[in-house]
Amino acid sequence: MHNSNSVMVNATEMARPFRKRPVEWLRLPSTIEFLNTLSDVRKSHITNLVETTRGNFPTIQNREPGCTKM
């Protein structure tokens, strides 16, 4: 469930010009550390920060207010 303060971006479309896939970014140790820290700061489970879908739907990254890293 998304609240009115969340911002959704299409990570697949953002990564496409660089010939990358969001899953590559999500596997980086620095990304894992970042998401764990953001989860602690926001007092929100990590699954509330990143949403992925498969098939005909794009991968979506949930950037909460104040989050500038992608």
C-alpha atoms as a PDB file:
ATOM      1  CA  MET A   1       0.000   0.000   0.000  1.00  0.00           C
ATOM      2  CA  HIS A   2       1.338   3.416  -0.931  1.00  0.00           C
ATOM      3  CA  ASN A   3       0.656   6.600   0.947  1.00  0.00           C
ATOM      4  CA  SER A   4       0.281  10.010  -0.645  1.00  0.00           C
ATOM      5  CA  ASN A   5       3.866  10.926   0.333  1.00  0.00           C
ATOM      6  CA  SER A   6       5.510   8.206  -1.752  1.00  0.00           C
ATOM      7  CA  VAL A   7       7.036   8.751  -5.175  1.00  0.00           C
ATOM      8  CA  MET A   8       7.202   5.928  -7.683  1.00  0.00           C
ATOM      9  CA  VAL A   9       9.832   5.814 -10.421  1.00  0.00           C
ATOM     10  CA  ASN A  10      10.303   3.253 -13.150  1.00  0.00           C
ATOM     11  CA  ALA A  11      13.787   1.901 -12.440  1.00  0.00           C
ATOM     12  CA  THR A  12      13.743  -0.280 -15.565  1.00  0.00           C
ATOM     13  CA  GLU A  13      13.280   2.748 -17.814  1.00  0.00           C
ATOM     14  CA  MET A  14      15.908   4.713 -15.894  1.00  0.00           C
ATOM     15  CA  ALA A  15      18.466   1.906 -16.267  1.00  0.00           C
ATOM     16  CA  ARG A  16      17.743   1.107 -19.934  1.00  0.00           C
ATOM     17  CA  PRO A  17      19.948   3.869 -21.500  1.00  0.00           C
ATOM     18  CA  PHE A  18      22.889   2.482 -19.523  1.00  0.00           C
ATOM     19  CA  ARG A  19      22.166  -1.093 -20.632  1.00  0.00           C
ATOM     20  CA  LYS A  20      21.684  -2.097 -17.017  1.00  0.00           C
ATOM     21  CA  ARG A  21      18.925  -3.857 -15.122  1.00  0.00           C
ATOM     22  CA  PRO A  22      17.636  -2.747 -11.709  1.00  0.00           C
ATOM     23  CA  VAL A  23      18.402  -6.184 -10.275  1.00  0.00           C
ATOM     24  CA  GLU A  24      22.111  -5.458 -10.836  1.00  0.00           C
ATOM     25  CA  TRP A  25      21.831  -2.311  -8.702  1.00  0.00           C
ATOM     26  CA  LEU A  26      19.822  -4.121  -6.017  1.00  0.00           C
ATOM     27  CA  ARG A  27      22.570  -6.755  -5.619  1.00  0.00           C
ATOM     28  CA  LEU A  28      25.375  -4.280  -4.919  1.00  0.00           C
ATOM     29  CA  PRO A  29      26.690  -4.340  -1.333  1.00  0.00           C
ATOM     30  CA  SER A  30      26.430  -0.535  -1.231  1.00  0.00           C
ATOM     31  CA  THR A  31      22.759  -0.715  -2.266  1.00  0.00           C
ATOM     32  CA  ILE A  32      21.987  -3.313   0.385  1.00  0.00           C
ATOM     33  CA  GLU A  33      23.687  -1.144   3.004  1.00  0.00           C
ATOM     34  CA  PHE A  34      21.815   1.950   1.761  1.00  0.00           C
ATOM     35  CA  LEU A  35      18.418   0.214   1.845  1.00  0.00           C
ATOM     36  CA  ASN A  36      19.081  -1.224   5.318  1.00  0.00           C
ATOM     37  CA  THR A  37      20.019   2.234   6.613  1.00  0.00           C
ATOM     38  CA  LEU A  38      17.016   3.862   4.941  1.00  0.00           C
ATOM     39  CA  SER A  39      14.803   1.172   6.414  1.00  0.00           C
ATOM     40  CA  ASP A  40      16.129   1.936   9.901  1.00  0.00           C
ATOM     41  CA  VAL A  41      15.807   5.708   9.489  1.00  0.00           C
ATOM     42  CA  ARG A  42      12.290   5.511   8.063  1.00  0.00           C
ATOM     43  CA  LYS A  43      11.284   2.812  10.552  1.00  0.00           C
ATOM     44  CA  SER A  44       9.874   0.970   7.575  1.00  0.00           C
ATOM     45  CA  HIS A  45      10.489  -2.563   6.380  1.00  0.00           C
ATOM     46  CA  ILE A  46      12.719  -2.802   3.325  1.00  0.00           C
ATOM     47  CA  THR A  47       9.850  -4.319   1.326  1.00  0.00           C
ATOM     48  CA  ASN A  48       8.075  -0.953   1.670  1.00  0.00           C
ATOM     49  CA  LEU A  49      11.001   0.806  -0.017  1.00  0.00           C
ATOM     50  CA  VAL A  50      11.374  -1.301  -3.152  1.00  0.00           C
ATOM     51  CA  GLU A  51       8.601  -2.907  -5.161  1.00  0.00           C
ATOM     52  CA  THR A  52       9.295  -5.191  -8.089  1.00  0.00           C
ATOM     53  CA  THR A  53       6.960  -6.805 -10.554  1.00  0.00           C
ATOM     54  CA  ARG A  54       7.508  -9.187 -13.456  1.00  0.00           C
ATOM     55  CA  GLY A  55       5.929  -9.839 -16.794  1.00  0.00           C
ATOM     56  CA  ASN A  56       4.188  -6.983 -18.528  1.00  0.00           C
ATOM     57  CA  PHE A  57       4.760  -4.625 -15.631  1.00  0.00           C
ATOM     58  CA  PRO A  58       7.971  -2.622 -15.095  1.00  0.00           C
ATOM     59  CA  THR A  59      10.190  -2.819 -12.055  1.00  0.00           C
ATOM     60  CA  ILE A  60       9.250   0.010  -9.745  1.00  0.00           C
ATOM     61  CA  GLN A  61      11.435   1.689  -7.153  1.00  0.00           C
ATOM     62  CA  ASN A  62       9.648   3.411  -4.293  1.00  0.00           C
ATOM     63  CA  ARG A  63      11.562   6.530  -3.289  1.00  0.00           C
ATOM     64  CA  GLU A  64      10.265   7.934  -0.056  1.00  0.00           C
ATOM     65  CA  PRO A  65      10.503  11.705   0.570  1.00  0.00           C
ATOM     66  CA  GLY A  66      14.034  12.762   1.358  1.00  0.00           C
ATOM     67  CA  CYS A  67      15.584   9.826  -0.496  1.00  0.00           C
ATOM     68  CA  THR A  68      17.886  11.047  -3.259  1.00  0.00           C
ATOM     69  CA  LYS A  69      19.846   7.923  -4.150  1.00  0.00           C
ATOM     70  CA  MET A  70      18.869   5.607  -6.983  1.00  0.00           C
END
